[in-house]
Each structure stands twice: as C-alpha cells, then as structure tokens.
Amino acid sequence: MSTPAVQNLIDGNKAYASTFTEGHLALPPSQKYAVVTCMDARIDPKSAFGIPLGAAHIIRNAGGSVRDAFRSLVISQQLLGTTDVLIVKHTGCGMLTFDNAVARSAVAKNKGDAAAKEVEDLEFLTFPDLETEVKNDLEWIKSKNVESGINFTGWIYEVETGKVRKVE
C-alpha cells in the first residue's frame, strides 16, 4: 500500500539520487564527532549546525537522550573513531509535556491491554526541565568507563530562532 509518506520517500529519493555524487565518502565520519539530538521534525541538524554529508554521526531519538543513544555512541566511538559528542536538546520538546504514567495510559487507551503490558516497564525518559536534563545527560554519559577520553558538550537549540546555546 502506497501512503503519502511512502510516495514522498520514493519521489524524494528519485530527485536526490539523480544528482548524487557523494558515493565515495568513507565510512567513519570525517570530522570525528557525533551529535545526539531529538527526533523532532522541526530540527534539521545538517542545516542548523552546518554539517556536511559524511562529517558526523547524527543520532536522533525522542528527547535527544544519551541513555537511548548509548549503543550507537559506543559504536561511533569505539569502532568508527569519533572523539567528540554534542548533546543537543531543544525548546518546545514534547518530552517536557508528559511523564511515564501519561505515556503508558495513552498506549492502553489507543492500543489496549496487550499493548499496555508491553510498555509497563518502559522508561520513556521524559524530563521536566530542559537545561537540567542536558546536565543530567552529560553527567550520566561522562560516568561511563567506555566514554573516557571523549569530549562531551551540551547544547540547547531554540526552535523559535534556530540558535544554539552552550549549557555549562
């Protein structure tokens, strides 16, 4: 079944592939860094942060959580040589608007008891304060032995202006 989303992918890829010339790029990111950011559709990391194709790993998940991205970060660093990680959260994040109980309740309401059982122990990694969560993620990731020798910085991206600011 072809939905509008599937058709968009087909059409968009056809246009992209017709002028694609970057098939020669190496597997490891050329600038040796990774960006962990939110999956929010209002964020275009490539454009917002000036990242050329092949330069960095972009790891996206709900809330830009390093806990959720940990597996990918270990691969990025240990197998593909990245040495810097930028943790970027953003204003207006949906993860600020609910908690675990609300998320579990939504699953139960929308999908029923069997689906609710599947997420009963799932940690949705929500948070009540943006800046505090950037700091919490920095503290958590820096505490991991596998992460020693890696440079971590935290940022907040403003969806209203497109600007970023460093979190100290």
N, C-alpha and C. Protein backbone atom coordinates (compact mmCIF):
# COMPACT_ATOMS: atom_id res chain seq x y z
N MET A 1 0.85 -1.18 0.00
CA MET A 1 0.00 0.00 0.00
C MET A 1 0.89 1.24 0.00
N SER A 2 0.63 2.13 -0.91
CA SER A 2 1.43 3.35 -1.01
C SER A 2 0.70 4.50 -0.32
N THR A 3 1.25 4.91 0.80
CA THR A 3 0.70 6.04 1.54
C THR A 3 1.40 7.31 1.05
N PRO A 4 0.90 8.49 1.42
CA PRO A 4 1.61 9.72 1.05
C PRO A 4 3.06 9.74 1.56
N ALA A 5 3.28 9.19 2.74
CA ALA A 5 4.65 9.16 3.28
C ALA A 5 5.56 8.30 2.42
N VAL A 6 5.06 7.13 2.00
CA VAL A 6 5.85 6.24 1.15
C VAL A 6 6.11 6.90 -0.20
N GLN A 7 5.11 7.52 -0.76
CA GLN A 7 5.28 8.19 -2.05
C GLN A 7 6.27 9.35 -1.95
N ASN A 8 6.24 10.07 -0.82
CA ASN A 8 7.20 11.15 -0.59
C ASN A 8 8.62 10.60 -0.58
N LEU A 9 8.83 9.45 0.08
CA LEU A 9 10.14 8.83 0.12
C LEU A 9 10.59 8.45 -1.29
N ILE A 10 9.71 7.83 -2.07
CA ILE A 10 10.05 7.40 -3.43
C ILE A 10 10.39 8.60 -4.29
N ASP A 11 9.54 9.61 -4.29
CA ASP A 11 9.76 10.80 -5.12
C ASP A 11 11.00 11.57 -4.68
N GLY A 12 11.12 11.75 -3.37
CA GLY A 12 12.27 12.49 -2.84
C GLY A 12 13.58 11.79 -3.14
N ASN A 13 13.60 10.47 -3.01
CA ASN A 13 14.83 9.75 -3.30
C ASN A 13 15.18 9.80 -4.78
N LYS A 14 14.18 9.73 -5.62
CA LYS A 14 14.44 9.79 -7.06
C LYS A 14 15.13 11.12 -7.41
N ALA A 15 14.62 12.21 -6.87
CA ALA A 15 15.23 13.52 -7.12
C ALA A 15 16.64 13.60 -6.53
N TYR A 16 16.81 13.09 -5.31
CA TYR A 16 18.12 13.12 -4.63
C TYR A 16 19.14 12.29 -5.40
N ALA A 17 18.78 11.07 -5.74
CA ALA A 17 19.71 10.15 -6.41
C ALA A 17 20.11 10.64 -7.80
N SER A 18 19.24 11.42 -8.43
CA SER A 18 19.54 11.89 -9.79
C SER A 18 20.74 12.83 -9.85
N THR A 19 21.08 13.47 -8.73
CA THR A 19 22.23 14.38 -8.70
C THR A 19 23.28 13.97 -7.66
N PHE A 20 23.13 12.77 -7.09
CA PHE A 20 24.02 12.31 -6.02
C PHE A 20 25.42 12.04 -6.55
N THR A 21 26.42 12.61 -5.86
CA THR A 21 27.82 12.43 -6.27
C THR A 21 28.73 12.09 -5.09
N GLU A 22 28.16 11.72 -3.95
CA GLU A 22 28.98 11.54 -2.74
C GLU A 22 29.19 10.07 -2.37
N GLY A 23 29.04 9.16 -3.30
CA GLY A 23 29.19 7.74 -3.02
C GLY A 23 30.60 7.32 -2.62
N HIS A 24 31.55 8.18 -2.76
CA HIS A 24 32.95 7.89 -2.44
C HIS A 24 33.31 8.14 -0.97
N LEU A 25 32.42 8.73 -0.21
CA LEU A 25 32.74 9.09 1.18
C LEU A 25 33.09 7.86 2.01
N ALA A 26 34.03 8.02 2.93
CA ALA A 26 34.47 6.94 3.81
C ALA A 26 33.42 6.66 4.88
N LEU A 27 33.44 5.46 5.44
CA LEU A 27 32.52 5.06 6.49
C LEU A 27 32.67 5.89 7.77
N PRO A 28 33.88 6.05 8.31
CA PRO A 28 33.99 6.87 9.53
C PRO A 28 33.70 8.34 9.23
N PRO A 29 33.09 9.04 10.17
CA PRO A 29 32.81 10.45 9.92
C PRO A 29 34.11 11.27 9.84
N SER A 30 34.23 12.08 8.81
CA SER A 30 35.47 12.80 8.54
C SER A 30 35.85 13.80 9.62
N GLN A 31 34.86 14.36 10.33
CA GLN A 31 35.18 15.34 11.36
C GLN A 31 35.18 14.74 12.77
N LYS A 32 35.01 13.45 12.86
CA LYS A 32 35.18 12.67 14.10
C LYS A 32 34.28 13.12 15.26
N TYR A 33 33.03 13.48 14.95
CA TYR A 33 32.12 13.80 16.03
C TYR A 33 30.74 13.22 15.78
N ALA A 34 30.00 13.14 16.87
CA ALA A 34 28.62 12.66 16.81
C ALA A 34 27.73 13.72 17.46
N VAL A 35 26.52 13.81 16.96
CA VAL A 35 25.52 14.70 17.53
C VAL A 35 24.35 13.84 17.99
N VAL A 36 23.97 13.99 19.26
CA VAL A 36 22.77 13.33 19.76
C VAL A 36 21.72 14.42 19.88
N THR A 37 20.62 14.26 19.16
CA THR A 37 19.57 15.26 19.21
C THR A 37 18.21 14.60 19.12
N CYS A 38 17.20 15.39 19.26
CA CYS A 38 15.82 14.92 19.27
C CYS A 38 15.35 14.56 17.86
N MET A 39 14.35 13.71 17.80
CA MET A 39 13.76 13.32 16.52
C MET A 39 12.74 14.35 16.03
N ASP A 40 12.54 15.41 16.77
CA ASP A 40 11.56 16.44 16.42
C ASP A 40 11.74 16.88 14.98
N ALA A 41 10.64 16.89 14.24
CA ALA A 41 10.68 17.22 12.81
C ALA A 41 11.05 18.67 12.53
N ARG A 42 11.06 19.52 13.55
CA ARG A 42 11.43 20.93 13.37
C ARG A 42 12.93 21.15 13.39
N ILE A 43 13.70 20.08 13.65
CA ILE A 43 15.15 20.21 13.73
C ILE A 43 15.78 19.52 12.52
N ASP A 44 16.56 20.27 11.78
CA ASP A 44 17.34 19.75 10.65
C ASP A 44 18.80 19.91 11.02
N PRO A 45 19.40 18.89 11.68
CA PRO A 45 20.76 19.05 12.19
C PRO A 45 21.78 19.44 11.12
N LYS A 46 21.66 18.87 9.94
CA LYS A 46 22.60 19.18 8.86
C LYS A 46 22.61 20.67 8.56
N SER A 47 21.44 21.25 8.42
CA SER A 47 21.35 22.68 8.12
C SER A 47 21.61 23.54 9.35
N ALA A 48 21.02 23.18 10.48
CA ALA A 48 21.11 24.00 11.69
C ALA A 48 22.54 24.11 12.22
N PHE A 49 23.33 23.06 12.03
CA PHE A 49 24.67 23.04 12.59
C PHE A 49 25.76 23.02 11.52
N GLY A 50 25.38 23.18 10.25
CA GLY A 50 26.36 23.24 9.17
C GLY A 50 27.17 21.96 9.01
N ILE A 51 26.52 20.82 9.04
CA ILE A 51 27.21 19.54 8.97
C ILE A 51 27.17 19.00 7.53
N PRO A 52 28.33 18.93 6.89
CA PRO A 52 28.35 18.35 5.54
C PRO A 52 28.14 16.84 5.58
N LEU A 53 27.67 16.29 4.48
CA LEU A 53 27.49 14.85 4.37
C LEU A 53 28.82 14.14 4.63
N GLY A 54 28.78 13.13 5.46
CA GLY A 54 29.99 12.35 5.77
C GLY A 54 30.82 12.89 6.91
N ALA A 55 30.44 14.03 7.48
CA ALA A 55 31.27 14.67 8.51
C ALA A 55 31.03 14.15 9.92
N ALA A 56 29.79 13.75 10.24
CA ALA A 56 29.44 13.42 11.62
C ALA A 56 28.34 12.38 11.66
N HIS A 57 28.28 11.67 12.78
CA HIS A 57 27.14 10.80 13.03
C HIS A 57 26.04 11.63 13.67
N ILE A 58 24.83 11.49 13.18
CA ILE A 58 23.67 12.16 13.76
C ILE A 58 22.79 11.08 14.35
N ILE A 59 22.63 11.11 15.66
CA ILE A 59 21.85 10.10 16.37
C ILE A 59 20.62 10.80 16.93
N ARG A 60 19.45 10.35 16.49
CA ARG A 60 18.21 11.03 16.88
C ARG A 60 17.29 10.06 17.60
N ASN A 61 16.67 10.57 18.64
CA ASN A 61 15.65 9.82 19.37
C ASN A 61 14.76 10.81 20.11
N ALA A 62 13.68 10.34 20.66
CA ALA A 62 12.76 11.21 21.39
C ALA A 62 13.49 11.85 22.57
N GLY A 63 13.60 13.17 22.56
CA GLY A 63 14.24 13.89 23.64
C GLY A 63 15.75 14.04 23.51
N GLY A 64 16.36 13.44 22.51
CA GLY A 64 17.82 13.53 22.37
C GLY A 64 18.53 12.91 23.56
N SER A 65 18.06 11.76 24.01
CA SER A 65 18.59 11.10 25.21
C SER A 65 19.88 10.34 24.94
N VAL A 66 20.93 10.61 25.74
CA VAL A 66 22.17 9.84 25.60
C VAL A 66 22.00 8.42 26.11
N ARG A 67 21.08 8.21 27.05
CA ARG A 67 20.83 6.85 27.53
C ARG A 67 20.28 5.99 26.38
N ASP A 68 19.36 6.56 25.64
CA ASP A 68 18.77 5.88 24.50
C ASP A 68 19.80 5.72 23.37
N ALA A 69 20.72 6.64 23.25
CA ALA A 69 21.72 6.64 22.17
C ALA A 69 23.00 5.91 22.54
N PHE A 70 23.11 5.40 23.73
CA PHE A 70 24.37 4.85 24.23
C PHE A 70 24.97 3.78 23.32
N ARG A 71 24.17 2.83 22.88
CA ARG A 71 24.67 1.77 22.00
C ARG A 71 25.30 2.38 20.74
N SER A 72 24.60 3.33 20.14
CA SER A 72 25.12 3.97 18.92
C SER A 72 26.38 4.78 19.20
N LEU A 73 26.45 5.42 20.36
CA LEU A 73 27.65 6.19 20.71
C LEU A 73 28.86 5.28 20.90
N VAL A 74 28.66 4.14 21.53
CA VAL A 74 29.77 3.21 21.70
C VAL A 74 30.30 2.76 20.34
N ILE A 75 29.41 2.43 19.43
CA ILE A 75 29.82 2.03 18.08
C ILE A 75 30.52 3.19 17.38
N SER A 76 29.95 4.39 17.48
CA SER A 76 30.52 5.57 16.83
C SER A 76 31.96 5.81 17.29
N GLN A 77 32.18 5.68 18.59
CA GLN A 77 33.49 5.98 19.13
C GLN A 77 34.47 4.82 19.02
N GLN A 78 34.06 3.65 19.46
CA GLN A 78 34.98 2.53 19.55
C GLN A 78 35.29 1.87 18.21
N LEU A 79 34.34 1.91 17.29
CA LEU A 79 34.55 1.25 16.01
C LEU A 79 34.76 2.22 14.84
N LEU A 80 34.31 3.47 15.01
CA LEU A 80 34.37 4.40 13.90
C LEU A 80 35.12 5.69 14.21
N GLY A 81 35.72 5.77 15.41
CA GLY A 81 36.71 6.80 15.70
C GLY A 81 36.25 8.19 16.09
N THR A 82 34.98 8.38 16.46
CA THR A 82 34.59 9.72 16.87
C THR A 82 35.17 10.04 18.25
N THR A 83 35.48 11.31 18.45
CA THR A 83 36.11 11.73 19.70
C THR A 83 35.36 12.86 20.41
N ASP A 84 34.35 13.39 19.76
CA ASP A 84 33.53 14.45 20.35
C ASP A 84 32.06 14.08 20.23
N VAL A 85 31.28 14.43 21.25
CA VAL A 85 29.83 14.22 21.21
C VAL A 85 29.15 15.51 21.63
N LEU A 86 28.26 15.98 20.79
CA LEU A 86 27.45 17.15 21.10
C LEU A 86 26.05 16.67 21.45
N ILE A 87 25.59 17.00 22.64
CA ILE A 87 24.25 16.62 23.09
C ILE A 87 23.38 17.86 22.92
N VAL A 88 22.37 17.74 22.05
CA VAL A 88 21.55 18.90 21.71
C VAL A 88 20.08 18.60 22.01
N LYS A 89 19.56 19.29 23.00
CA LYS A 89 18.12 19.24 23.29
C LYS A 89 17.52 20.54 22.76
N HIS A 90 16.20 20.68 22.82
CA HIS A 90 15.61 21.86 22.19
C HIS A 90 14.39 22.38 22.93
N THR A 91 14.14 23.65 22.71
CA THR A 91 12.96 24.28 23.29
C THR A 91 11.71 23.66 22.67
N GLY A 92 10.64 23.68 23.43
CA GLY A 92 9.37 23.15 22.94
C GLY A 92 9.36 21.64 22.75
N CYS A 93 10.24 20.93 23.42
CA CYS A 93 10.33 19.47 23.28
C CYS A 93 9.10 18.79 23.86
N GLY A 94 8.58 17.84 23.13
CA GLY A 94 7.43 17.08 23.61
C GLY A 94 7.71 16.30 24.87
N MET A 95 8.96 15.94 25.12
CA MET A 95 9.31 15.16 26.31
C MET A 95 9.11 15.96 27.60
N LEU A 96 8.92 17.26 27.47
CA LEU A 96 8.63 18.12 28.62
C LEU A 96 7.15 18.08 29.00
N THR A 97 6.31 17.48 28.16
CA THR A 97 4.85 17.62 28.29
C THR A 97 4.13 16.44 28.90
N PHE A 98 4.84 15.36 29.21
CA PHE A 98 4.18 14.18 29.78
C PHE A 98 5.17 13.42 30.65
N ASP A 99 4.67 12.40 31.35
CA ASP A 99 5.53 11.54 32.14
C ASP A 99 5.23 10.08 31.78
N ASN A 100 5.89 9.15 32.46
CA ASN A 100 5.71 7.73 32.15
C ASN A 100 4.26 7.29 32.27
N ALA A 101 3.58 7.73 33.32
CA ALA A 101 2.19 7.32 33.54
C ALA A 101 1.29 7.78 32.40
N VAL A 102 1.47 9.00 31.95
CA VAL A 102 0.67 9.53 30.85
C VAL A 102 0.94 8.74 29.56
N ALA A 103 2.21 8.44 29.29
CA ALA A 103 2.55 7.68 28.08
C ALA A 103 1.96 6.27 28.14
N ARG A 104 2.07 5.61 29.27
CA ARG A 104 1.52 4.26 29.42
C ARG A 104 0.00 4.28 29.27
N SER A 105 -0.62 5.29 29.84
CA SER A 105 -2.07 5.43 29.73
C SER A 105 -2.50 5.63 28.27
N ALA A 106 -1.74 6.41 27.53
CA ALA A 106 -2.06 6.64 26.11
C ALA A 106 -1.97 5.34 25.32
N VAL A 107 -0.94 4.54 25.61
CA VAL A 107 -0.81 3.25 24.91
C VAL A 107 -2.01 2.37 25.24
N ALA A 108 -2.38 2.29 26.52
CA ALA A 108 -3.52 1.47 26.92
C ALA A 108 -4.80 1.93 26.23
N LYS A 109 -5.02 3.23 26.20
CA LYS A 109 -6.23 3.78 25.58
C LYS A 109 -6.25 3.54 24.07
N ASN A 110 -5.11 3.76 23.42
CA ASN A 110 -5.05 3.67 21.96
C ASN A 110 -4.91 2.25 21.43
N LYS A 111 -4.26 1.37 22.20
CA LYS A 111 -3.93 0.04 21.67
C LYS A 111 -4.44 -1.12 22.51
N GLY A 112 -4.93 -0.85 23.71
CA GLY A 112 -5.49 -1.93 24.53
C GLY A 112 -4.54 -2.52 25.54
N ASP A 113 -5.06 -3.49 26.28
CA ASP A 113 -4.34 -4.07 27.41
C ASP A 113 -3.07 -4.82 27.02
N ALA A 114 -3.11 -5.55 25.91
CA ALA A 114 -1.91 -6.31 25.49
C ALA A 114 -0.76 -5.35 25.19
N ALA A 115 -1.05 -4.27 24.51
CA ALA A 115 -0.01 -3.27 24.21
C ALA A 115 0.45 -2.58 25.48
N ALA A 116 -0.47 -2.29 26.38
CA ALA A 116 -0.11 -1.64 27.65
C ALA A 116 0.85 -2.51 28.44
N LYS A 117 0.65 -3.81 28.41
CA LYS A 117 1.53 -4.75 29.11
C LYS A 117 2.95 -4.66 28.54
N GLU A 118 3.07 -4.46 27.23
CA GLU A 118 4.39 -4.39 26.59
C GLU A 118 5.20 -3.18 27.03
N VAL A 119 4.55 -2.12 27.49
CA VAL A 119 5.27 -0.91 27.88
C VAL A 119 5.20 -0.62 29.38
N GLU A 120 4.71 -1.56 30.14
CA GLU A 120 4.52 -1.29 31.58
C GLU A 120 5.82 -0.99 32.32
N ASP A 121 6.93 -1.52 31.85
CA ASP A 121 8.22 -1.26 32.50
C ASP A 121 9.12 -0.34 31.67
N LEU A 122 8.59 0.17 30.57
CA LEU A 122 9.39 1.02 29.69
C LEU A 122 9.59 2.40 30.32
N GLU A 123 10.84 2.83 30.35
CA GLU A 123 11.17 4.17 30.81
C GLU A 123 11.16 5.08 29.58
N PHE A 124 10.24 6.03 29.54
CA PHE A 124 10.10 6.91 28.39
C PHE A 124 11.11 8.05 28.38
N LEU A 125 11.89 8.19 29.46
CA LEU A 125 12.96 9.18 29.55
C LEU A 125 12.47 10.61 29.36
N THR A 126 11.32 10.89 29.94
CA THR A 126 10.79 12.26 29.92
C THR A 126 11.55 13.10 30.93
N PHE A 127 11.34 14.41 30.86
CA PHE A 127 12.03 15.29 31.81
C PHE A 127 11.23 16.58 31.98
N PRO A 128 11.32 17.19 33.18
CA PRO A 128 10.55 18.40 33.45
C PRO A 128 11.28 19.71 33.16
N ASP A 129 12.62 19.65 32.99
CA ASP A 129 13.39 20.88 32.79
C ASP A 129 14.49 20.63 31.77
N LEU A 130 14.53 21.43 30.74
CA LEU A 130 15.44 21.26 29.61
C LEU A 130 16.91 21.35 30.00
N GLU A 131 17.29 22.44 30.60
CA GLU A 131 18.70 22.65 30.95
C GLU A 131 19.19 21.61 31.95
N THR A 132 18.36 21.29 32.93
CA THR A 132 18.73 20.27 33.91
C THR A 132 18.95 18.93 33.22
N GLU A 133 18.12 18.61 32.24
CA GLU A 133 18.27 17.32 31.55
C GLU A 133 19.52 17.27 30.70
N VAL A 134 19.92 18.37 30.10
CA VAL A 134 21.19 18.40 29.36
C VAL A 134 22.32 18.09 30.35
N LYS A 135 22.30 18.73 31.50
CA LYS A 135 23.33 18.49 32.52
C LYS A 135 23.29 17.05 33.01
N ASN A 136 22.08 16.50 33.23
CA ASN A 136 21.94 15.11 33.67
C ASN A 136 22.53 14.15 32.64
N ASP A 137 22.24 14.40 31.35
CA ASP A 137 22.80 13.55 30.30
C ASP A 137 24.32 13.64 30.26
N LEU A 138 24.86 14.84 30.39
CA LEU A 138 26.31 14.99 30.41
C LEU A 138 26.93 14.23 31.58
N GLU A 139 26.35 14.36 32.74
CA GLU A 139 26.85 13.66 33.93
C GLU A 139 26.78 12.14 33.73
N TRP A 140 25.65 11.66 33.22
CA TRP A 140 25.45 10.22 33.04
C TRP A 140 26.46 9.65 32.05
N ILE A 141 26.61 10.29 30.90
CA ILE A 141 27.49 9.74 29.87
C ILE A 141 28.96 9.83 30.28
N LYS A 142 29.33 10.88 30.98
CA LYS A 142 30.72 11.01 31.44
C LYS A 142 31.07 9.98 32.50
N SER A 143 30.07 9.41 33.16
CA SER A 143 30.32 8.41 34.21
C SER A 143 30.63 7.03 33.64
N LYS A 144 30.45 6.84 32.35
CA LYS A 144 30.67 5.53 31.73
C LYS A 144 32.14 5.35 31.39
N ASN A 145 32.73 4.25 31.83
CA ASN A 145 34.15 3.99 31.58
C ASN A 145 34.48 3.94 30.09
N VAL A 146 33.57 3.40 29.30
CA VAL A 146 33.82 3.29 27.86
C VAL A 146 33.90 4.66 27.21
N GLU A 147 33.43 5.68 27.91
CA GLU A 147 33.41 7.03 27.36
C GLU A 147 34.61 7.87 27.76
N SER A 148 35.56 7.31 28.50
CA SER A 148 36.72 8.12 28.91
C SER A 148 37.51 8.56 27.68
N GLY A 149 38.01 9.78 27.73
CA GLY A 149 38.79 10.34 26.63
C GLY A 149 37.94 10.96 25.53
N ILE A 150 36.63 10.99 25.71
CA ILE A 150 35.73 11.58 24.74
C ILE A 150 35.32 12.96 25.25
N ASN A 151 35.24 13.93 24.37
CA ASN A 151 34.82 15.29 24.74
C ASN A 151 33.29 15.41 24.56
N PHE A 152 32.60 15.73 25.64
CA PHE A 152 31.15 15.90 25.60
C PHE A 152 30.79 17.35 25.88
N THR A 153 29.87 17.89 25.09
CA THR A 153 29.33 19.22 25.36
C THR A 153 27.82 19.16 25.23
N GLY A 154 27.15 20.04 25.98
CA GLY A 154 25.70 20.09 25.96
C GLY A 154 25.19 21.41 25.39
N TRP A 155 24.08 21.33 24.67
CA TRP A 155 23.55 22.48 23.95
C TRP A 155 22.03 22.50 24.02
N ILE A 156 21.47 23.69 23.88
CA ILE A 156 20.03 23.84 23.70
C ILE A 156 19.81 24.59 22.39
N TYR A 157 19.01 23.96 21.53
CA TYR A 157 18.63 24.54 20.25
C TYR A 157 17.27 25.20 20.42
N GLU A 158 17.16 26.44 19.98
CA GLU A 158 15.90 27.17 20.07
C GLU A 158 15.14 26.99 18.76
N VAL A 159 14.03 26.25 18.81
CA VAL A 159 13.26 26.02 17.58
C VAL A 159 12.64 27.32 17.06
N GLU A 160 12.50 28.29 17.93
CA GLU A 160 11.89 29.56 17.54
C GLU A 160 12.84 30.44 16.72
N THR A 161 14.16 30.32 16.98
CA THR A 161 15.13 31.21 16.33
C THR A 161 16.19 30.48 15.49
N GLY A 162 16.35 29.19 15.73
CA GLY A 162 17.40 28.43 15.05
C GLY A 162 18.76 28.55 15.71
N LYS A 163 18.84 29.26 16.83
CA LYS A 163 20.11 29.46 17.52
C LYS A 163 20.35 28.36 18.56
N VAL A 164 21.65 28.11 18.85
CA VAL A 164 22.02 27.20 19.92
C VAL A 164 22.78 27.96 20.99
N ARG A 165 22.69 27.44 22.20
CA ARG A 165 23.48 27.99 23.29
C ARG A 165 24.06 26.83 24.08
N LYS A 166 25.30 27.02 24.51
CA LYS A 166 26.00 26.00 25.27
C LYS A 166 25.49 25.95 26.71
N VAL A 167 25.34 24.75 27.22
CA VAL A 167 24.95 24.55 28.63
C VAL A 167 26.21 24.21 29.41
N GLU A 168 26.49 25.02 30.41
CA GLU A 168 27.70 24.80 31.24
C GLU A 168 27.37 23.99 32.46
